[in-house]
Amino acid sequence: MENPFNTIEERLRNIESLLIQIKHNPADPPETDKLLTVDGAAEFLSLSKPTIYRKISERSIPFHKIGGRNYFISNELIKFIKER
């Protein structure tokens, strides 16, 4: 019968090597050109949905209307925030 501590030690070594690999080779850079819905934009900007809809009606926030739905591009929202 195999020693359970050896199994645990082997699994910990595997986890450690994966963490080192992630640290030195991060995955894809964060998406900065992400398409967001009203819910996503509200979460992204930490605003309520009614506030987002008000800003859309005032045309005070960059948005795109496609097929009757409102979409936002995260880069445009970041630029919007920086300009304010």
C-alpha atoms as a PDB file:
ATOM      1  CA  MET A   1       0.000   0.000   0.000  1.00  0.00           C
ATOM      2  CA  GLU A   2       1.347   3.417  -0.971  1.00  0.00           C
ATOM      3  CA  ASN A   3       2.174   5.883   1.749  1.00  0.00           C
ATOM      4  CA  PRO A   4      -0.526   8.634   1.688  1.00  0.00           C
ATOM      5  CA  PHE A   5       2.052  11.248   2.655  1.00  0.00           C
ATOM      6  CA  ASN A   6       4.000  10.523  -0.523  1.00  0.00           C
ATOM      7  CA  THR A   7       0.847  11.091  -2.554  1.00  0.00           C
ATOM      8  CA  ILE A   8       0.161  14.362  -0.761  1.00  0.00           C
ATOM      9  CA  GLU A   9       3.761  15.491  -1.225  1.00  0.00           C
ATOM     10  CA  GLU A  10       3.653  14.707  -4.950  1.00  0.00           C
ATOM     11  CA  ARG A  11       0.404  16.612  -5.399  1.00  0.00           C
ATOM     12  CA  LEU A  12       1.807  19.611  -3.510  1.00  0.00           C
ATOM     13  CA  ARG A  13       4.872  19.590  -5.783  1.00  0.00           C
ATOM     14  CA  ASN A  14       2.575  19.594  -8.819  1.00  0.00           C
ATOM     15  CA  ILE A  15       0.588  22.518  -7.423  1.00  0.00           C
ATOM     16  CA  GLU A  16       3.785  24.408  -6.638  1.00  0.00           C
ATOM     17  CA  SER A  17       5.143  23.924 -10.149  1.00  0.00           C
ATOM     18  CA  LEU A  18       1.849  25.096 -11.657  1.00  0.00           C
ATOM     19  CA  LEU A  19       1.883  28.215  -9.484  1.00  0.00           C
ATOM     20  CA  ILE A  20       5.464  28.984 -10.498  1.00  0.00           C
ATOM     21  CA  GLN A  21       4.533  28.495 -14.153  1.00  0.00           C
ATOM     22  CA  ILE A  22       1.545  30.858 -13.831  1.00  0.00           C
ATOM     23  CA  LYS A  23       3.688  33.441 -12.064  1.00  0.00           C
ATOM     24  CA  HIS A  24       6.325  33.454 -14.799  1.00  0.00           C
ATOM     25  CA  ASN A  25       4.005  32.971 -17.775  1.00  0.00           C
ATOM     26  CA  PRO A  26       0.782  34.819 -17.020  1.00  0.00           C
ATOM     27  CA  ALA A  27      -2.165  33.950 -19.188  1.00  0.00           C
ATOM     28  CA  ASP A  28      -3.595  36.340 -21.706  1.00  0.00           C
ATOM     29  CA  PRO A  29      -3.502  39.989 -20.719  1.00  0.00           C
ATOM     30  CA  PRO A  30      -6.777  41.274 -19.304  1.00  0.00           C
ATOM     31  CA  GLU A  31      -9.356  42.060 -21.916  1.00  0.00           C
ATOM     32  CA  THR A  32      -9.574  45.777 -22.384  1.00  0.00           C
ATOM     33  CA  ASP A  33     -11.772  45.710 -25.449  1.00  0.00           C
ATOM     34  CA  LYS A  34     -14.554  43.692 -23.895  1.00  0.00           C
ATOM     35  CA  LEU A  35     -18.154  44.109 -25.016  1.00  0.00           C
ATOM     36  CA  LEU A  36     -20.497  44.742 -22.077  1.00  0.00           C
ATOM     37  CA  THR A  37     -24.251  44.746 -21.623  1.00  0.00           C
ATOM     38  CA  VAL A  38     -26.070  47.253 -19.414  1.00  0.00           C
ATOM     39  CA  ASP A  39     -25.615  44.859 -16.474  1.00  0.00           C
ATOM     40  CA  GLY A  40     -21.922  44.501 -17.258  1.00  0.00           C
ATOM     41  CA  ALA A  41     -21.429  48.256 -17.634  1.00  0.00           C
ATOM     42  CA  ALA A  42     -23.236  48.895 -14.353  1.00  0.00           C
ATOM     43  CA  GLU A  43     -20.974  46.419 -12.576  1.00  0.00           C
ATOM     44  CA  PHE A  44     -17.857  47.699 -14.387  1.00  0.00           C
ATOM     45  CA  LEU A  45     -18.590  51.309 -13.378  1.00  0.00           C
ATOM     46  CA  SER A  46     -20.090  50.463  -9.972  1.00  0.00           C
ATOM     47  CA  LEU A  47     -23.317  52.237 -10.908  1.00  0.00           C
ATOM     48  CA  SER A  48     -26.928  51.121 -10.776  1.00  0.00           C
ATOM     49  CA  LYS A  49     -28.767  50.038 -13.918  1.00  0.00           C
ATOM     50  CA  PRO A  50     -31.162  53.026 -13.711  1.00  0.00           C
ATOM     51  CA  THR A  51     -28.138  55.343 -13.630  1.00  0.00           C
ATOM     52  CA  ILE A  52     -26.727  53.654 -16.733  1.00  0.00           C
ATOM     53  CA  TYR A  53     -30.080  54.020 -18.528  1.00  0.00           C
ATOM     54  CA  ARG A  54     -30.256  57.683 -17.510  1.00  0.00           C
ATOM     55  CA  LYS A  55     -26.766  58.305 -18.868  1.00  0.00           C
ATOM     56  CA  ILE A  56     -27.754  56.559 -22.108  1.00  0.00           C
ATOM     57  CA  SER A  57     -30.844  58.766 -22.497  1.00  0.00           C
ATOM     58  CA  GLU A  58     -28.737  61.855 -21.780  1.00  0.00           C
ATOM     59  CA  ARG A  59     -26.134  60.532 -24.226  1.00  0.00           C
ATOM     60  CA  SER A  60     -23.520  61.254 -21.576  1.00  0.00           C
ATOM     61  CA  ILE A  61     -21.909  57.810 -21.753  1.00  0.00           C
ATOM     62  CA  PRO A  62     -20.435  56.065 -24.808  1.00  0.00           C
ATOM     63  CA  PHE A  63     -22.682  53.220 -25.961  1.00  0.00           C
ATOM     64  CA  HIS A  64     -23.676  51.336 -29.098  1.00  0.00           C
ATOM     65  CA  LYS A  65     -27.216  50.309 -29.964  1.00  0.00           C
ATOM     66  CA  ILE A  66     -27.364  47.024 -31.833  1.00  0.00           C
ATOM     67  CA  GLY A  67     -30.680  45.366 -32.580  1.00  0.00           C
ATOM     68  CA  GLY A  68     -32.489  47.425 -29.965  1.00  0.00           C
ATOM     69  CA  ARG A  69     -29.991  46.543 -27.231  1.00  0.00           C
ATOM     70  CA  ASN A  70     -27.376  48.782 -25.665  1.00  0.00           C
ATOM     71  CA  TYR A  71     -23.756  47.677 -25.536  1.00  0.00           C
ATOM     72  CA  PHE A  72     -20.603  49.228 -24.165  1.00  0.00           C
ATOM     73  CA  ILE A  73     -16.933  48.719 -24.956  1.00  0.00           C
ATOM     74  CA  SER A  74     -14.786  48.598 -21.851  1.00  0.00           C
ATOM     75  CA  ASN A  75     -11.984  50.699 -23.414  1.00  0.00           C
ATOM     76  CA  GLU A  76     -14.469  53.462 -24.176  1.00  0.00           C
ATOM     77  CA  LEU A  77     -15.790  53.354 -20.614  1.00  0.00           C
ATOM     78  CA  ILE A  78     -12.259  53.591 -19.224  1.00  0.00           C
ATOM     79  CA  LYS A  79     -11.591  56.603 -21.446  1.00  0.00           C
ATOM     80  CA  PHE A  80     -14.941  58.100 -20.344  1.00  0.00           C
ATOM     81  CA  ILE A  81     -13.920  57.746 -16.692  1.00  0.00           C
ATOM     82  CA  LYS A  82     -10.474  59.233 -17.251  1.00  0.00           C
ATOM     83  CA  GLU A  83     -11.920  62.275 -19.026  1.00  0.00           C
ATOM     84  CA  ARG A  84     -14.289  63.075 -16.171  1.00  0.00           C
END
